[in-house]
């Protein structure tokens, strides 16, 4: 099943850019899905069974490194370009 996941990360600290860049780099190392970047979020498009384990690991790594963070995640099975 193809999905799109729109992710926004808000580290609650003064040096907020570094955790965002590190999170995006974790996702960018994988070639099994498309990544689209914009100023407020990152969108990942691909197969559910490939995206979710990678996303789970990246979220855990980020929250461990920067526990005072907020993720806003929108997941859709039908809102992606074909």
C-alpha atoms as a PDB file:
ATOM      1  CA  UNK A   1       0.000   0.000   0.000  1.00  0.00           C
ATOM      2  CA  UNK A   2       1.436   3.348  -1.068  1.00  0.00           C
ATOM      3  CA  UNK A   3       1.295   6.152   1.498  1.00  0.00           C
ATOM      4  CA  UNK A   4       2.482   9.694   2.015  1.00  0.00           C
ATOM      5  CA  UNK A   5       3.738  10.918   5.366  1.00  0.00           C
ATOM      6  CA  UNK A   6       4.065  14.640   6.042  1.00  0.00           C
ATOM      7  CA  UNK A   7       6.421  15.297   8.967  1.00  0.00           C
ATOM      8  CA  UNK A   8       7.178  18.510  10.835  1.00  0.00           C
ATOM      9  CA  UNK A   9       9.715  18.586  13.662  1.00  0.00           C
ATOM     10  CA  UNK A  10       9.834  21.350  16.251  1.00  0.00           C
ATOM     11  CA  UNK A  11      12.790  21.023  18.641  1.00  0.00           C
ATOM     12  CA  UNK A  12      12.001  23.137  21.699  1.00  0.00           C
ATOM     13  CA  UNK A  13      15.462  24.633  22.039  1.00  0.00           C
ATOM     14  CA  UNK A  14      17.409  27.603  20.728  1.00  0.00           C
ATOM     15  CA  UNK A  15      19.591  25.505  18.424  1.00  0.00           C
ATOM     16  CA  UNK A  16      16.619  24.033  16.573  1.00  0.00           C
ATOM     17  CA  UNK A  17      18.115  23.587  13.095  1.00  0.00           C
ATOM     18  CA  UNK A  18      20.621  20.856  13.948  1.00  0.00           C
ATOM     19  CA  UNK A  19      18.042  18.265  15.107  1.00  0.00           C
ATOM     20  CA  UNK A  20      15.891  18.965  12.060  1.00  0.00           C
ATOM     21  CA  UNK A  21      18.802  18.499   9.683  1.00  0.00           C
ATOM     22  CA  UNK A  22      19.890  15.322  11.487  1.00  0.00           C
ATOM     23  CA  UNK A  23      16.356  13.881  11.253  1.00  0.00           C
ATOM     24  CA  UNK A  24      16.082  14.634   7.534  1.00  0.00           C
ATOM     25  CA  UNK A  25      19.528  13.121   6.914  1.00  0.00           C
ATOM     26  CA  UNK A  26      18.404   9.900   8.595  1.00  0.00           C
ATOM     27  CA  UNK A  27      15.545   9.655   6.119  1.00  0.00           C
ATOM     28  CA  UNK A  28      17.616  10.726   3.116  1.00  0.00           C
ATOM     29  CA  UNK A  29      19.977   7.737   3.509  1.00  0.00           C
ATOM     30  CA  UNK A  30      17.225   5.458   2.220  1.00  0.00           C
ATOM     31  CA  UNK A  31      16.382   5.117  -1.443  1.00  0.00           C
ATOM     32  CA  UNK A  32      13.221   3.018  -1.096  1.00  0.00           C
ATOM     33  CA  UNK A  33      10.922   6.075  -1.023  1.00  0.00           C
ATOM     34  CA  UNK A  34      10.607   9.604  -2.395  1.00  0.00           C
ATOM     35  CA  UNK A  35      11.368  12.595  -0.189  1.00  0.00           C
ATOM     36  CA  UNK A  36      10.033  16.092  -0.833  1.00  0.00           C
ATOM     37  CA  UNK A  37      11.329  19.023   1.206  1.00  0.00           C
ATOM     38  CA  UNK A  38       9.707  22.355   1.937  1.00  0.00           C
ATOM     39  CA  UNK A  39      10.139  25.088   4.517  1.00  0.00           C
ATOM     40  CA  UNK A  40       7.701  23.681   7.105  1.00  0.00           C
ATOM     41  CA  UNK A  41       7.758  19.908   6.590  1.00  0.00           C
ATOM     42  CA  UNK A  42       9.218  16.914   4.831  1.00  0.00           C
ATOM     43  CA  UNK A  43       7.007  14.519   2.882  1.00  0.00           C
ATOM     44  CA  UNK A  44       7.918  10.879   2.373  1.00  0.00           C
ATOM     45  CA  UNK A  45       6.095   8.842  -0.293  1.00  0.00           C
ATOM     46  CA  UNK A  46       6.397   5.114  -0.750  1.00  0.00           C
ATOM     47  CA  UNK A  47       5.296   1.714   0.447  1.00  0.00           C
ATOM     48  CA  UNK A  48       3.920   1.525   3.992  1.00  0.00           C
ATOM     49  CA  UNK A  49       5.960  -1.552   4.960  1.00  0.00           C
ATOM     50  CA  UNK A  50       9.193   0.182   3.872  1.00  0.00           C
ATOM     51  CA  UNK A  51       8.549   3.640   5.331  1.00  0.00           C
ATOM     52  CA  UNK A  52       7.237   2.767   8.783  1.00  0.00           C
ATOM     53  CA  UNK A  53      10.278   0.887  10.212  1.00  0.00           C
ATOM     54  CA  UNK A  54      12.635   3.608   8.950  1.00  0.00           C
ATOM     55  CA  UNK A  55      10.401   6.335  10.328  1.00  0.00           C
ATOM     56  CA  UNK A  56      10.080   4.534  13.660  1.00  0.00           C
ATOM     57  CA  UNK A  57      13.874   4.356  14.016  1.00  0.00           C
ATOM     58  CA  UNK A  58      14.416   7.979  12.963  1.00  0.00           C
ATOM     59  CA  UNK A  59      11.762   9.210  15.414  1.00  0.00           C
ATOM     60  CA  UNK A  60      13.277   7.209  18.290  1.00  0.00           C
ATOM     61  CA  UNK A  61      16.795   8.439  17.518  1.00  0.00           C
ATOM     62  CA  UNK A  62      15.655  12.056  17.357  1.00  0.00           C
ATOM     63  CA  UNK A  63      13.574  11.897  20.531  1.00  0.00           C
ATOM     64  CA  UNK A  64      16.461  10.268  22.395  1.00  0.00           C
ATOM     65  CA  UNK A  65      18.885  12.985  21.258  1.00  0.00           C
ATOM     66  CA  UNK A  66      16.395  15.866  21.629  1.00  0.00           C
ATOM     67  CA  UNK A  67      13.654  14.806  24.047  1.00  0.00           C
ATOM     68  CA  UNK A  68      12.095  18.274  24.165  1.00  0.00           C
ATOM     69  CA  UNK A  69      10.749  17.998  20.608  1.00  0.00           C
ATOM     70  CA  UNK A  70       7.357  17.933  18.991  1.00  0.00           C
ATOM     71  CA  UNK A  71       6.604  15.932  15.838  1.00  0.00           C
ATOM     72  CA  UNK A  72       3.514  16.641  13.758  1.00  0.00           C
ATOM     73  CA  UNK A  73       2.876  13.682  11.449  1.00  0.00           C
ATOM     74  CA  UNK A  74       0.132  13.315   8.854  1.00  0.00           C
ATOM     75  CA  UNK A  75      -0.199   9.942   7.177  1.00  0.00           C
ATOM     76  CA  UNK A  76      -2.373   9.359   4.133  1.00  0.00           C
ATOM     77  CA  UNK A  77      -3.114   6.379   1.954  1.00  0.00           C
ATOM     78  CA  UNK A  78      -4.619   8.460  -0.825  1.00  0.00           C
ATOM     79  CA  UNK A  79      -2.962  11.883  -0.890  1.00  0.00           C
ATOM     80  CA  UNK A  80       0.120  11.260  -2.970  1.00  0.00           C
ATOM     81  CA  UNK A  81       1.038  11.974  -6.568  1.00  0.00           C
ATOM     82  CA  UNK A  82       1.092   8.903  -8.841  1.00  0.00           C
END
